[in-house]
Amino acid sequence: MKMTQIIQKKREGGALSPEEIRFFVEGLQNGETPDYQAAALLMAIYFRGMNQAETLELTSAMLQSGDSIDLSDLSGVKVDKHSTGGVGDKTTLVLAPLVAATGVPIAKMSGRGLGHTGGTIDKLEVFPGLTLELPTSQFIQQVQDIGIAVVAQTQSLVPADKQLYALRDVTATVGSIPLIASSIMSKKLASGCEAIVLDVKAGKGSFMPDEASAFNLANVLVEIGEGMGRRTVAVVTAMDEPLGHAVGNAIEVAEAIKTLKGEGPADLVELCLELGTQMLLLGNRANEEAEAKSLLMDAIHSGKALAKFKEMITRQGGDASSVDDPSLFPTAKYTHHLKSHDEGYLSSLNAKAVGVAAMALGAGRETKGSPIDLAAGIYLYKKRGDKVAKGDVLATLHAASPQQISEGILQLAEAFAFSAQPPAPAKLILGKKMIK
């Protein structure tokens, strides 16, 4: 078997056999497949696609390229959640303790942010002393003891995905749905979950710019999950404007804490209740959506969800005092209030432009090794549909230098558009995909 034959077959639109796919993945790992041949195959896949069987086989081969976590000793159905990435998406910070407080065990591995999308692990680093890299045995023991752990993904999980993603990033093949789906699902499957809830973003601030692409990806993700024996639900959600009001790290954590206290922004609350409902249903904690939502609301209003969050922070060695006193979070040296020169209704708030502005302020990273400023970010006072008068503060920018503030202002000015009439209401939850 030769890589040139595999490349040619896919270039001409043929379906690769399981043996050919495994030959490619194993060759990439052991160094027998050079990067230039791997890049050629990725480009052929980008243009020719993969059928369901090929995508499932690629996911399986990537999964078997490294370690997998065994959660079978934990009682209950282990449900995982994944988001395809967005701006202001602090959902895991709310959802993980919220669902755990209802009795569904949460053993979650999360990633760092890259580009204009944020990462859960970066956000959690605002807690001094918090350990985010735990040995597998300690990770499992913590879930057994308190019902929740959120840690960074280990390097031994799905190493083939890291190699493939690095090549996709420099060959303009990141947008291939089979490659996106196999990357996501191989990592979710390796983390030991029995059921998966996927938040597939659609819109300006996501990798999927339109609903059709997002639903296509959702279908493929669900097919992989079910094909690998995991109950899987994909919820397609809008990401044209940022989620909530805060975009950054420390300020997003503060907003997540407010949400756990029952004081969160409407869109973040709606999304957490929707995803949490699906997690409780898959986790056999509830039999119908109304029951699941009631359990989640009770966990918030009773204080159990917030208490579970503090318990997790403390168990992982972190100082949880900032949960009660957000003024202890890192704060930026410089702030700037961006005021409106227009009046009318905010007709759109471009999520990607906000994310790029937050990066300019230091809240995001352009490459995986770039440092980030935990205190940097943007707090948005106006959202789509709000009435705005000249001079109203649209947002506050937080950064470590005046130069970063200036660059952030230039980027953020592109995010706002106004109209004389209020825009039509926009849906947050666009639909669901599951195999019944």
Protein backbone atom coordinates (compact mmCIF):
# COMPACT_ATOMS: atom_id res chain seq x y z
CA MET A 1 0.00 0.00 0.00
CA LYS A 2 1.33 3.44 -0.96
CA MET A 3 0.32 6.93 0.12
CA THR A 4 0.45 8.15 -3.49
CA GLN A 5 -2.26 5.62 -4.41
CA ILE A 6 -4.41 6.68 -1.44
CA ILE A 7 -4.03 10.36 -2.35
CA GLN A 8 -4.91 9.68 -5.98
CA LYS A 9 -7.96 7.60 -5.01
CA LYS A 10 -9.38 10.36 -2.82
CA ARG A 11 -8.43 13.06 -5.35
CA GLU A 12 -10.60 11.25 -7.90
CA GLY A 13 -13.53 11.01 -5.47
CA GLY A 14 -13.13 7.41 -4.34
CA ALA A 15 -14.03 6.13 -0.88
CA LEU A 16 -11.03 5.05 1.18
CA SER A 17 -11.09 1.58 2.76
CA PRO A 18 -10.59 1.07 6.52
CA GLU A 19 -7.13 -0.33 5.76
CA GLU A 20 -6.16 2.75 3.75
CA ILE A 21 -7.35 5.14 6.45
CA ARG A 22 -5.46 3.28 9.16
CA PHE A 23 -2.35 3.10 6.96
CA PHE A 24 -2.48 6.89 6.68
CA VAL A 25 -3.00 7.57 10.42
CA GLU A 26 -0.39 5.03 11.54
CA GLY A 27 2.11 6.33 8.97
CA LEU A 28 1.58 9.87 10.22
CA GLN A 29 2.26 8.75 13.79
CA ASN A 30 5.37 6.67 13.13
CA GLY A 31 6.88 9.19 10.75
CA GLU A 32 6.61 7.04 7.62
CA THR A 33 4.09 9.41 6.01
CA PRO A 34 5.79 12.76 5.30
CA ASP A 35 3.91 15.97 5.98
CA TYR A 36 3.68 16.86 2.30
CA GLN A 37 1.80 13.63 1.51
CA ALA A 38 -0.46 14.03 4.54
CA ALA A 39 -1.19 17.62 3.46
CA ALA A 40 -2.05 16.42 -0.06
CA LEU A 41 -4.53 13.90 1.32
CA LEU A 42 -6.10 16.50 3.60
CA MET A 43 -6.64 18.80 0.63
CA ALA A 44 -8.19 15.95 -1.36
CA ILE A 45 -10.52 15.22 1.57
CA TYR A 46 -11.37 18.93 1.81
CA PHE A 47 -12.58 18.99 -1.80
CA ARG A 48 -13.93 15.44 -2.16
CA GLY A 49 -15.27 14.84 1.35
CA MET A 50 -15.75 11.54 3.15
CA ASN A 51 -18.80 9.32 3.48
CA GLN A 52 -20.19 8.17 6.82
CA ALA A 53 -18.16 4.94 6.91
CA GLU A 54 -14.90 6.75 6.09
CA THR A 55 -15.51 9.44 8.73
CA LEU A 56 -16.33 6.81 11.35
CA GLU A 57 -13.19 4.85 10.49
CA LEU A 58 -11.01 7.97 10.65
CA THR A 59 -12.47 8.79 14.07
CA SER A 60 -11.80 5.24 15.28
CA ALA A 61 -8.21 5.28 13.98
CA MET A 62 -7.51 8.61 15.67
CA LEU A 63 -9.12 7.41 18.90
CA GLN A 64 -6.85 4.36 18.94
CA SER A 65 -3.73 6.47 18.35
CA GLY A 66 -3.42 7.17 22.08
CA ASP A 67 -4.80 6.48 25.53
CA SER A 68 -8.46 6.39 26.54
CA ILE A 69 -9.88 7.05 29.98
CA ASP A 70 -11.94 4.32 31.63
CA LEU A 71 -14.79 5.80 33.67
CA SER A 72 -16.63 2.49 34.15
CA ASP A 73 -15.97 2.47 37.91
CA LEU A 74 -18.03 5.62 38.32
CA SER A 75 -21.72 5.13 39.03
CA GLY A 76 -24.33 6.72 36.79
CA VAL A 77 -24.29 7.64 33.12
CA LYS A 78 -21.26 9.81 32.33
CA VAL A 79 -22.38 12.62 30.03
CA ASP A 80 -19.96 14.99 28.30
CA LYS A 81 -20.61 18.31 26.58
CA HIS A 82 -18.67 19.98 23.79
CA SER A 83 -18.99 23.34 22.08
CA THR A 84 -17.58 24.00 18.61
CA GLY A 85 -16.37 27.36 19.89
CA GLY A 86 -17.70 30.87 20.11
CA VAL A 87 -17.24 34.35 21.58
CA GLY A 88 -18.17 34.88 25.22
CA ASP A 89 -18.96 31.18 25.56
CA LYS A 90 -18.50 30.51 29.26
CA THR A 91 -21.17 27.79 29.22
CA THR A 92 -19.06 24.98 30.72
CA LEU A 93 -18.32 27.10 33.80
CA VAL A 94 -22.06 27.22 34.49
CA LEU A 95 -23.20 23.92 33.02
CA ALA A 96 -20.70 21.54 34.63
CA PRO A 97 -21.50 22.42 38.28
CA LEU A 98 -25.18 22.92 37.46
CA VAL A 99 -25.59 19.42 36.02
CA ALA A 100 -23.37 17.86 38.68
CA ALA A 101 -25.55 19.46 41.37
CA THR A 102 -28.52 17.45 40.05
CA GLY A 103 -26.62 14.16 40.48
CA VAL A 104 -25.22 13.52 36.99
CA PRO A 105 -21.44 12.89 37.25
CA ILE A 106 -19.31 15.35 35.25
CA ALA A 107 -15.82 14.14 34.28
CA LYS A 108 -14.83 16.83 31.81
CA MET A 109 -11.66 17.55 29.89
CA SER A 110 -11.58 20.98 28.27
CA GLY A 111 -9.22 22.91 26.03
CA ARG A 112 -7.59 26.29 25.76
CA GLY A 113 -8.70 29.10 23.49
CA LEU A 114 -7.23 29.78 20.07
CA GLY A 115 -7.95 32.73 17.82
CA HIS A 116 -11.13 34.66 18.59
CA THR A 117 -12.74 31.75 20.48
CA GLY A 118 -12.19 31.34 24.22
CA GLY A 119 -11.15 28.28 26.21
CA THR A 120 -12.49 26.96 29.51
CA ILE A 121 -9.05 26.08 30.89
CA ASP A 122 -7.78 29.63 30.34
CA LYS A 123 -10.77 31.02 32.20
CA LEU A 124 -10.33 28.71 35.19
CA GLU A 125 -6.75 29.91 35.65
CA VAL A 126 -8.13 33.06 37.29
CA PHE A 127 -8.36 31.00 40.50
CA PRO A 128 -4.94 31.08 42.25
CA GLY A 129 -3.54 27.61 42.98
CA LEU A 130 -6.09 25.74 40.88
CA THR A 131 -4.65 22.51 39.44
CA LEU A 132 -5.91 21.83 35.93
CA GLU A 133 -3.70 18.87 35.10
CA LEU A 134 -4.56 15.86 37.24
CA PRO A 135 -3.35 12.25 37.00
CA THR A 136 -6.14 10.09 35.59
CA SER A 137 -6.60 8.21 38.86
CA GLN A 138 -6.99 11.47 40.79
CA PHE A 139 -9.33 12.86 38.14
CA ILE A 140 -11.61 9.81 38.46
CA GLN A 141 -11.40 9.79 42.26
CA GLN A 142 -12.49 13.41 42.44
CA VAL A 143 -15.56 12.70 40.31
CA GLN A 144 -16.34 9.73 42.51
CA ASP A 145 -16.03 11.86 45.66
CA ILE A 146 -17.76 15.12 44.70
CA GLY A 147 -19.39 14.36 41.32
CA ILE A 148 -17.34 16.79 39.21
CA ALA A 149 -13.89 17.54 37.81
CA VAL A 150 -12.92 19.88 34.98
CA VAL A 151 -9.31 19.52 33.82
CA ALA A 152 -7.09 20.14 30.80
CA GLN A 153 -6.89 17.52 28.08
CA THR A 154 -3.90 15.22 28.53
CA GLN A 155 -1.21 14.99 25.86
CA SER A 156 -1.64 11.21 25.61
CA LEU A 157 -5.22 11.43 24.35
CA VAL A 158 -5.59 11.25 20.56
CA PRO A 159 -2.04 12.34 19.57
CA ALA A 160 -2.91 11.77 15.89
CA ASP A 161 -5.44 14.60 16.14
CA LYS A 162 -2.76 17.03 17.30
CA GLN A 163 -0.63 16.12 14.28
CA LEU A 164 -3.52 16.40 11.86
CA TYR A 165 -4.80 19.66 13.30
CA ALA A 166 -1.36 21.27 13.02
CA LEU A 167 -1.32 20.33 9.32
CA ARG A 168 -4.91 21.46 8.76
CA ASP A 169 -4.10 24.81 10.34
CA VAL A 170 -1.31 25.56 7.84
CA THR A 171 -2.96 24.06 4.74
CA ALA A 172 -6.34 25.88 4.89
CA THR A 173 -8.23 22.61 5.43
CA VAL A 174 -9.61 23.36 8.91
CA GLY A 175 -13.13 23.86 7.46
CA SER A 176 -13.61 20.26 6.24
CA ILE A 177 -16.65 18.80 8.02
CA PRO A 178 -15.36 15.17 8.12
CA LEU A 179 -12.05 16.41 9.55
CA ILE A 180 -13.77 18.69 12.08
CA ALA A 181 -16.14 15.91 13.16
CA SER A 182 -13.49 13.22 13.55
CA SER A 183 -11.29 15.62 15.52
CA ILE A 184 -14.07 16.53 17.95
CA MET A 185 -15.47 13.05 18.42
CA SER A 186 -12.16 11.20 18.79
CA LYS A 187 -11.34 13.42 21.79
CA LYS A 188 -14.81 13.08 23.31
CA LEU A 189 -14.73 9.30 22.94
CA ALA A 190 -11.22 9.07 24.41
CA SER A 191 -12.37 10.93 27.52
CA GLY A 192 -14.56 7.98 28.51
CA CYS A 193 -18.07 9.43 28.25
CA GLU A 194 -21.12 7.26 27.62
CA ALA A 195 -23.31 10.02 26.20
CA ILE A 196 -22.49 13.30 24.48
CA VAL A 197 -24.28 16.64 24.12
CA LEU A 198 -22.82 18.85 21.40
CA ASP A 199 -23.33 22.60 21.08
CA VAL A 200 -22.78 23.28 17.37
CA LYS A 201 -22.43 27.01 16.76
CA ALA A 202 -23.66 28.75 13.61
CA GLY A 203 -22.95 32.35 12.64
CA LYS A 204 -20.32 35.06 12.36
CA GLY A 205 -18.43 34.11 15.53
CA SER A 206 -18.16 30.39 14.75
CA PHE A 207 -16.34 28.03 12.41
CA MET A 208 -19.66 27.28 10.71
CA PRO A 209 -20.78 30.61 9.20
CA ASP A 210 -24.29 29.52 8.23
CA GLU A 211 -27.06 27.28 9.56
CA ALA A 212 -26.87 24.78 6.70
CA SER A 213 -23.19 24.05 7.41
CA ALA A 214 -23.85 23.80 11.15
CA PHE A 215 -26.71 21.33 10.70
CA ASN A 216 -24.55 19.31 8.30
CA LEU A 217 -21.80 19.13 10.93
CA ALA A 218 -24.36 18.27 13.62
CA ASN A 219 -25.62 15.35 11.54
CA VAL A 220 -22.12 13.97 11.03
CA LEU A 221 -21.24 14.34 14.73
CA VAL A 222 -24.38 12.50 15.83
CA GLU A 223 -23.78 9.73 13.27
CA ILE A 224 -20.24 9.22 14.60
CA GLY A 225 -21.38 9.18 18.22
CA GLU A 226 -24.16 6.69 17.62
CA GLY A 227 -21.89 4.64 15.33
CA MET A 228 -19.40 4.35 18.21
CA GLY A 229 -22.10 3.27 20.64
CA ARG A 230 -22.66 6.60 22.43
CA ARG A 231 -26.04 8.27 22.77
CA THR A 232 -25.50 11.65 21.15
CA VAL A 233 -27.51 14.86 20.78
CA ALA A 234 -26.39 17.95 18.87
CA VAL A 235 -28.00 21.32 19.60
CA VAL A 236 -27.42 23.93 16.88
CA THR A 237 -27.19 27.42 18.40
CA ALA A 238 -26.68 30.94 17.07
CA MET A 239 -23.29 32.66 17.36
CA ASP A 240 -23.84 35.86 15.40
CA GLU A 241 -23.43 37.94 18.54
CA PRO A 242 -21.40 37.11 21.68
CA LEU A 243 -22.99 34.99 24.38
CA GLY A 244 -23.78 37.08 27.43
CA HIS A 245 -22.15 40.45 28.05
CA ALA A 246 -18.58 39.50 29.02
CA VAL A 247 -15.81 38.53 26.57
CA GLY A 248 -12.47 37.76 28.16
CA ASN A 249 -11.31 35.46 30.94
CA ALA A 250 -11.75 36.95 34.41
CA ILE A 251 -14.85 38.91 33.41
CA GLU A 252 -16.42 35.80 31.85
CA VAL A 253 -15.84 33.83 35.05
CA ALA A 254 -17.50 36.62 37.01
CA GLU A 255 -20.51 36.45 34.65
CA ALA A 256 -20.67 32.66 35.00
CA ILE A 257 -20.76 33.03 38.79
CA LYS A 258 -23.62 35.54 38.51
CA THR A 259 -25.46 33.00 36.36
CA LEU A 260 -24.98 30.28 38.98
CA LYS A 261 -26.49 32.73 41.47
CA GLY A 262 -29.56 33.16 39.26
CA GLU A 263 -28.52 36.59 37.97
CA GLY A 264 -27.15 35.70 34.54
CA PRO A 265 -27.94 37.21 31.13
CA ALA A 266 -31.00 35.75 29.40
CA ASP A 267 -29.18 34.17 26.46
CA LEU A 268 -26.59 32.39 28.62
CA VAL A 269 -29.30 31.10 30.95
CA GLU A 270 -31.39 29.86 28.01
CA LEU A 271 -28.45 28.00 26.49
CA CYS A 272 -27.37 26.40 29.77
CA LEU A 273 -30.91 25.21 30.49
CA GLU A 274 -31.24 23.73 26.99
CA LEU A 275 -27.91 21.90 27.05
CA GLY A 276 -28.40 20.89 30.68
CA THR A 277 -31.83 19.48 29.87
CA GLN A 278 -30.34 17.27 27.17
CA MET A 279 -27.59 16.14 29.55
CA LEU A 280 -30.09 15.16 32.24
CA LEU A 281 -32.18 13.25 29.71
CA LEU A 282 -29.15 11.33 28.40
CA GLY A 283 -27.96 10.78 31.96
CA ASN A 284 -31.29 9.18 32.91
CA ARG A 285 -31.77 11.82 35.61
CA ALA A 286 -35.05 12.98 34.08
CA ASN A 287 -37.63 11.45 31.78
CA GLU A 288 -38.90 14.58 30.05
CA GLU A 289 -37.68 18.09 29.31
CA ALA A 290 -39.96 19.87 31.78
CA GLU A 291 -38.73 17.68 34.63
CA ALA A 292 -35.10 18.22 33.66
CA LYS A 293 -35.50 21.99 33.46
CA SER A 294 -37.19 22.04 36.87
CA LEU A 295 -34.27 20.13 38.41
CA LEU A 296 -31.80 22.58 36.90
CA MET A 297 -33.71 25.65 38.07
CA ASP A 298 -33.92 24.19 41.58
CA ALA A 299 -30.15 23.62 41.61
CA ILE A 300 -29.64 27.32 40.82
CA HIS A 301 -32.22 28.78 43.18
CA SER A 302 -31.27 26.50 46.08
CA GLY A 303 -27.60 27.49 45.81
CA LYS A 304 -26.51 23.89 45.11
CA ALA A 305 -25.00 24.70 41.71
CA LEU A 306 -22.85 27.54 43.06
CA ALA A 307 -21.80 25.41 46.03
CA LYS A 308 -20.75 22.61 43.66
CA PHE A 309 -18.62 25.07 41.67
CA LYS A 310 -16.86 26.27 44.82
CA GLU A 311 -16.37 22.67 45.95
CA MET A 312 -14.68 21.79 42.65
CA ILE A 313 -12.36 24.83 42.80
CA THR A 314 -11.36 24.02 46.38
CA ARG A 315 -10.87 20.29 45.72
CA GLN A 316 -8.49 21.10 42.86
CA GLY A 317 -6.40 23.33 45.13
CA GLY A 318 -7.82 26.67 44.04
CA ASP A 319 -8.69 29.70 46.15
CA ALA A 320 -12.47 30.01 45.82
CA SER A 321 -12.78 33.25 47.81
CA SER A 322 -13.24 35.24 44.58
CA VAL A 323 -16.51 33.35 43.98
CA ASP A 324 -17.98 35.39 46.85
CA ASP A 325 -15.88 38.49 46.15
CA PRO A 326 -15.34 39.00 42.37
CA SER A 327 -13.20 42.09 43.09
CA LEU A 328 -10.40 39.61 43.86
CA PHE A 329 -10.21 38.58 40.20
CA PRO A 330 -7.38 40.07 38.10
CA THR A 331 -8.17 43.59 36.90
CA ALA A 332 -6.73 45.49 33.95
CA LYS A 333 -4.50 48.55 34.36
CA TYR A 334 -6.37 50.47 31.66
CA THR A 335 -10.06 50.70 30.78
CA HIS A 336 -11.94 52.65 28.14
CA HIS A 337 -15.67 53.28 27.71
CA LEU A 338 -16.64 53.08 24.04
CA LYS A 339 -19.56 55.45 23.44
CA SER A 340 -22.02 55.45 20.59
CA HIS A 341 -21.88 58.08 17.84
CA ASP A 342 -25.17 56.75 16.46
CA GLU A 343 -28.72 56.43 17.69
CA GLY A 344 -31.46 53.97 16.98
CA TYR A 345 -31.59 50.24 17.55
CA LEU A 346 -28.60 47.93 17.63
CA SER A 347 -29.40 45.79 14.60
CA SER A 348 -26.35 43.52 14.80
CA LEU A 349 -23.35 42.88 17.02
CA ASN A 350 -20.73 40.96 15.06
CA ALA A 351 -19.37 38.22 17.32
CA LYS A 352 -16.18 37.70 15.33
CA ALA A 353 -15.34 41.42 15.36
CA VAL A 354 -15.80 41.43 19.15
CA GLY A 355 -13.62 38.34 19.47
CA VAL A 356 -10.88 39.86 17.31
CA ALA A 357 -11.04 43.07 19.39
CA ALA A 358 -10.68 41.01 22.59
CA MET A 359 -7.60 39.33 21.07
CA ALA A 360 -6.10 42.75 20.36
CA LEU A 361 -6.61 43.62 24.02
CA GLY A 362 -4.70 40.49 25.07
CA ALA A 363 -7.60 38.20 25.96
CA GLY A 364 -6.95 35.67 23.16
CA ARG A 365 -4.01 34.02 21.46
CA GLU A 366 -3.01 33.89 17.81
CA THR A 367 -0.93 30.71 18.23
CA LYS A 368 -1.09 27.89 20.77
CA GLY A 369 2.01 29.20 22.55
CA SER A 370 0.93 32.82 22.82
CA PRO A 371 0.44 34.22 26.34
CA ILE A 372 -2.90 35.71 27.33
CA ASP A 373 -3.88 38.42 29.79
CA LEU A 374 -6.51 37.05 32.17
CA ALA A 375 -7.71 40.56 33.03
CA ALA A 376 -8.17 41.72 29.43
CA GLY A 377 -11.51 41.73 27.69
CA ILE A 378 -14.69 43.56 26.72
CA TYR A 379 -17.90 44.07 28.65
CA LEU A 380 -20.85 44.77 26.35
CA TYR A 381 -23.64 46.95 27.72
CA LYS A 382 -25.82 46.76 24.63
CA LYS A 383 -27.02 43.68 22.76
CA ARG A 384 -28.93 43.21 19.53
CA GLY A 385 -32.35 44.89 19.64
CA ASP A 386 -31.46 47.38 22.40
CA LYS A 387 -32.30 51.05 21.86
CA VAL A 388 -29.21 53.28 21.80
CA ALA A 389 -28.86 57.06 22.18
CA LYS A 390 -25.84 59.11 21.15
CA GLY A 391 -23.32 59.07 23.99
CA ASP A 392 -24.52 55.77 25.46
CA VAL A 393 -21.71 53.46 26.56
CA LEU A 394 -21.68 50.47 24.23
CA ALA A 395 -18.83 48.61 25.87
CA THR A 396 -15.91 48.85 28.29
CA LEU A 397 -12.51 47.65 27.10
CA HIS A 398 -9.94 46.25 29.57
CA ALA A 399 -6.22 45.95 28.72
CA ALA A 400 -2.68 46.28 30.06
CA SER A 401 -1.59 49.16 27.80
CA PRO A 402 -2.95 52.22 25.99
CA GLN A 403 -1.70 50.76 22.70
CA GLN A 404 -3.85 47.65 23.19
CA ILE A 405 -6.84 49.84 24.05
CA SER A 406 -6.36 51.82 20.82
CA GLU A 407 -6.14 48.66 18.72
CA GLY A 408 -9.18 47.20 20.49
CA ILE A 409 -11.22 50.33 19.76
CA LEU A 410 -10.40 50.12 16.04
CA GLN A 411 -11.47 46.46 15.90
CA LEU A 412 -14.56 46.84 18.10
CA ALA A 413 -15.93 49.80 16.12
CA GLU A 414 -16.59 47.36 13.27
CA ALA A 415 -18.86 45.21 15.45
CA PHE A 416 -21.86 47.53 15.84
CA ALA A 417 -24.57 48.27 13.26
CA PHE A 418 -27.70 50.39 13.83
CA SER A 419 -31.15 50.74 12.31
CA ALA A 420 -34.09 53.11 12.72
CA GLN A 421 -36.46 50.24 13.54
CA PRO A 422 -35.92 47.37 15.99
CA PRO A 423 -34.61 44.21 14.28
CA ALA A 424 -36.72 41.07 14.14
CA PRO A 425 -36.21 38.81 17.18
CA ALA A 426 -33.40 36.30 16.70
CA LYS A 427 -33.52 32.69 17.84
CA LEU A 428 -30.71 31.32 20.00
CA ILE A 429 -31.67 27.63 19.76
CA LEU A 430 -31.86 26.82 16.06
CA GLY A 431 -32.65 23.12 16.30
CA LYS A 432 -31.56 19.67 17.50
CA LYS A 433 -30.20 16.54 15.85
CA MET A 434 -30.44 13.08 17.37
CA ILE A 435 -31.05 9.49 16.34
CA LYS A 436 -34.25 8.20 17.89
